[in-house]
């Protein structure tokens, strides 16, 4: 089984036009500590828009501590 690289974090990209989180990507937090800004297609607005990085805040990305 392959090792999981803990330096790469899963981040969501939010559109500046519609405010929807359409794209997800991983980024190395040591090499790029600043927020990502990428120009991608927004299917809701049907235009290219600037997407900025946010946390993937859906509960699947972070491991919750066990109650003991």
C-alpha atoms as a PDB file:
ATOM      1  CA  UNK A   1       0.000   0.000   0.000  1.00  0.00           C
ATOM      2  CA  UNK A   2       1.348   3.424  -0.931  1.00  0.00           C
ATOM      3  CA  UNK A   3       2.199   6.059   1.642  1.00  0.00           C
ATOM      4  CA  UNK A   4      -0.177   8.971   1.932  1.00  0.00           C
ATOM      5  CA  UNK A   5       1.586  12.276   1.381  1.00  0.00           C
ATOM      6  CA  UNK A   6       0.491  14.480   4.279  1.00  0.00           C
ATOM      7  CA  UNK A   7       1.995  17.642   2.789  1.00  0.00           C
ATOM      8  CA  UNK A   8      -0.696  17.793   0.106  1.00  0.00           C
ATOM      9  CA  UNK A   9      -4.065  19.105   1.282  1.00  0.00           C
ATOM     10  CA  UNK A  10      -7.414  18.955  -0.474  1.00  0.00           C
ATOM     11  CA  UNK A  11      -8.828  22.434  -1.151  1.00  0.00           C
ATOM     12  CA  UNK A  12     -12.019  23.675  -2.770  1.00  0.00           C
ATOM     13  CA  UNK A  13     -12.119  26.429  -5.375  1.00  0.00           C
ATOM     14  CA  UNK A  14     -14.926  29.004  -5.110  1.00  0.00           C
ATOM     15  CA  UNK A  15     -16.074  31.129  -8.042  1.00  0.00           C
ATOM     16  CA  UNK A  16     -15.970  34.903  -7.712  1.00  0.00           C
ATOM     17  CA  UNK A  17     -19.064  35.254  -9.934  1.00  0.00           C
ATOM     18  CA  UNK A  18     -21.511  32.686  -8.590  1.00  0.00           C
ATOM     19  CA  UNK A  19     -19.970  31.813  -5.208  1.00  0.00           C
ATOM     20  CA  UNK A  20     -20.303  28.069  -5.826  1.00  0.00           C
ATOM     21  CA  UNK A  21     -17.578  25.574  -5.000  1.00  0.00           C
ATOM     22  CA  UNK A  22     -17.295  23.753  -8.331  1.00  0.00           C
ATOM     23  CA  UNK A  23     -13.709  22.490  -8.449  1.00  0.00           C
ATOM     24  CA  UNK A  24     -11.480  20.636  -5.972  1.00  0.00           C
ATOM     25  CA  UNK A  25      -7.729  20.158  -6.142  1.00  0.00           C
ATOM     26  CA  UNK A  26      -4.758  19.272  -3.968  1.00  0.00           C
ATOM     27  CA  UNK A  27      -1.912  21.606  -3.152  1.00  0.00           C
ATOM     28  CA  UNK A  28       1.429  21.288  -1.414  1.00  0.00           C
ATOM     29  CA  UNK A  29       1.215  23.649   1.562  1.00  0.00           C
ATOM     30  CA  UNK A  30       4.977  23.890   2.031  1.00  0.00           C
ATOM     31  CA  UNK A  31       5.744  25.044  -1.513  1.00  0.00           C
ATOM     32  CA  UNK A  32       2.739  27.352  -1.908  1.00  0.00           C
ATOM     33  CA  UNK A  33       1.564  28.742   1.450  1.00  0.00           C
ATOM     34  CA  UNK A  34      -0.474  31.534  -0.183  1.00  0.00           C
ATOM     35  CA  UNK A  35      -4.002  30.996  -1.492  1.00  0.00           C
ATOM     36  CA  UNK A  36      -4.470  29.681  -5.013  1.00  0.00           C
ATOM     37  CA  UNK A  37      -6.168  31.872  -7.604  1.00  0.00           C
ATOM     38  CA  UNK A  38      -7.009  30.173 -10.885  1.00  0.00           C
ATOM     39  CA  UNK A  39      -9.094  31.285 -13.836  1.00  0.00           C
ATOM     40  CA  UNK A  40     -11.509  28.464 -14.739  1.00  0.00           C
ATOM     41  CA  UNK A  41     -14.887  27.997 -16.410  1.00  0.00           C
ATOM     42  CA  UNK A  42     -17.945  28.599 -14.215  1.00  0.00           C
ATOM     43  CA  UNK A  43     -20.803  26.383 -15.489  1.00  0.00           C
ATOM     44  CA  UNK A  44     -23.448  28.275 -13.508  1.00  0.00           C
ATOM     45  CA  UNK A  45     -22.503  31.719 -14.860  1.00  0.00           C
ATOM     46  CA  UNK A  46     -21.422  30.187 -18.215  1.00  0.00           C
ATOM     47  CA  UNK A  47     -18.268  32.339 -18.240  1.00  0.00           C
ATOM     48  CA  UNK A  48     -14.651  32.094 -17.212  1.00  0.00           C
ATOM     49  CA  UNK A  49     -14.209  33.380 -13.671  1.00  0.00           C
ATOM     50  CA  UNK A  50     -11.512  33.744 -11.054  1.00  0.00           C
ATOM     51  CA  UNK A  51     -11.584  30.874  -8.565  1.00  0.00           C
ATOM     52  CA  UNK A  52      -9.992  31.304  -5.128  1.00  0.00           C
ATOM     53  CA  UNK A  53      -9.008  28.661  -2.620  1.00  0.00           C
ATOM     54  CA  UNK A  54     -11.078  27.740   0.446  1.00  0.00           C
ATOM     55  CA  UNK A  55     -11.133  24.775   2.788  1.00  0.00           C
ATOM     56  CA  UNK A  56     -13.008  21.689   1.739  1.00  0.00           C
ATOM     57  CA  UNK A  57     -15.501  22.064   4.532  1.00  0.00           C
ATOM     58  CA  UNK A  58     -17.787  19.084   3.959  1.00  0.00           C
ATOM     59  CA  UNK A  59     -16.643  16.891   6.839  1.00  0.00           C
ATOM     60  CA  UNK A  60     -15.007  14.252   4.652  1.00  0.00           C
ATOM     61  CA  UNK A  61     -11.567  15.848   4.567  1.00  0.00           C
ATOM     62  CA  UNK A  62     -10.738  16.145   8.265  1.00  0.00           C
ATOM     63  CA  UNK A  63     -10.337  13.240  10.657  1.00  0.00           C
ATOM     64  CA  UNK A  64     -12.365  13.711  13.814  1.00  0.00           C
ATOM     65  CA  UNK A  65     -10.872  12.811  17.172  1.00  0.00           C
ATOM     66  CA  UNK A  66     -12.263   9.718  18.854  1.00  0.00           C
ATOM     67  CA  UNK A  67     -13.993   9.997  22.176  1.00  0.00           C
ATOM     68  CA  UNK A  68     -12.310   7.819  24.761  1.00  0.00           C
END
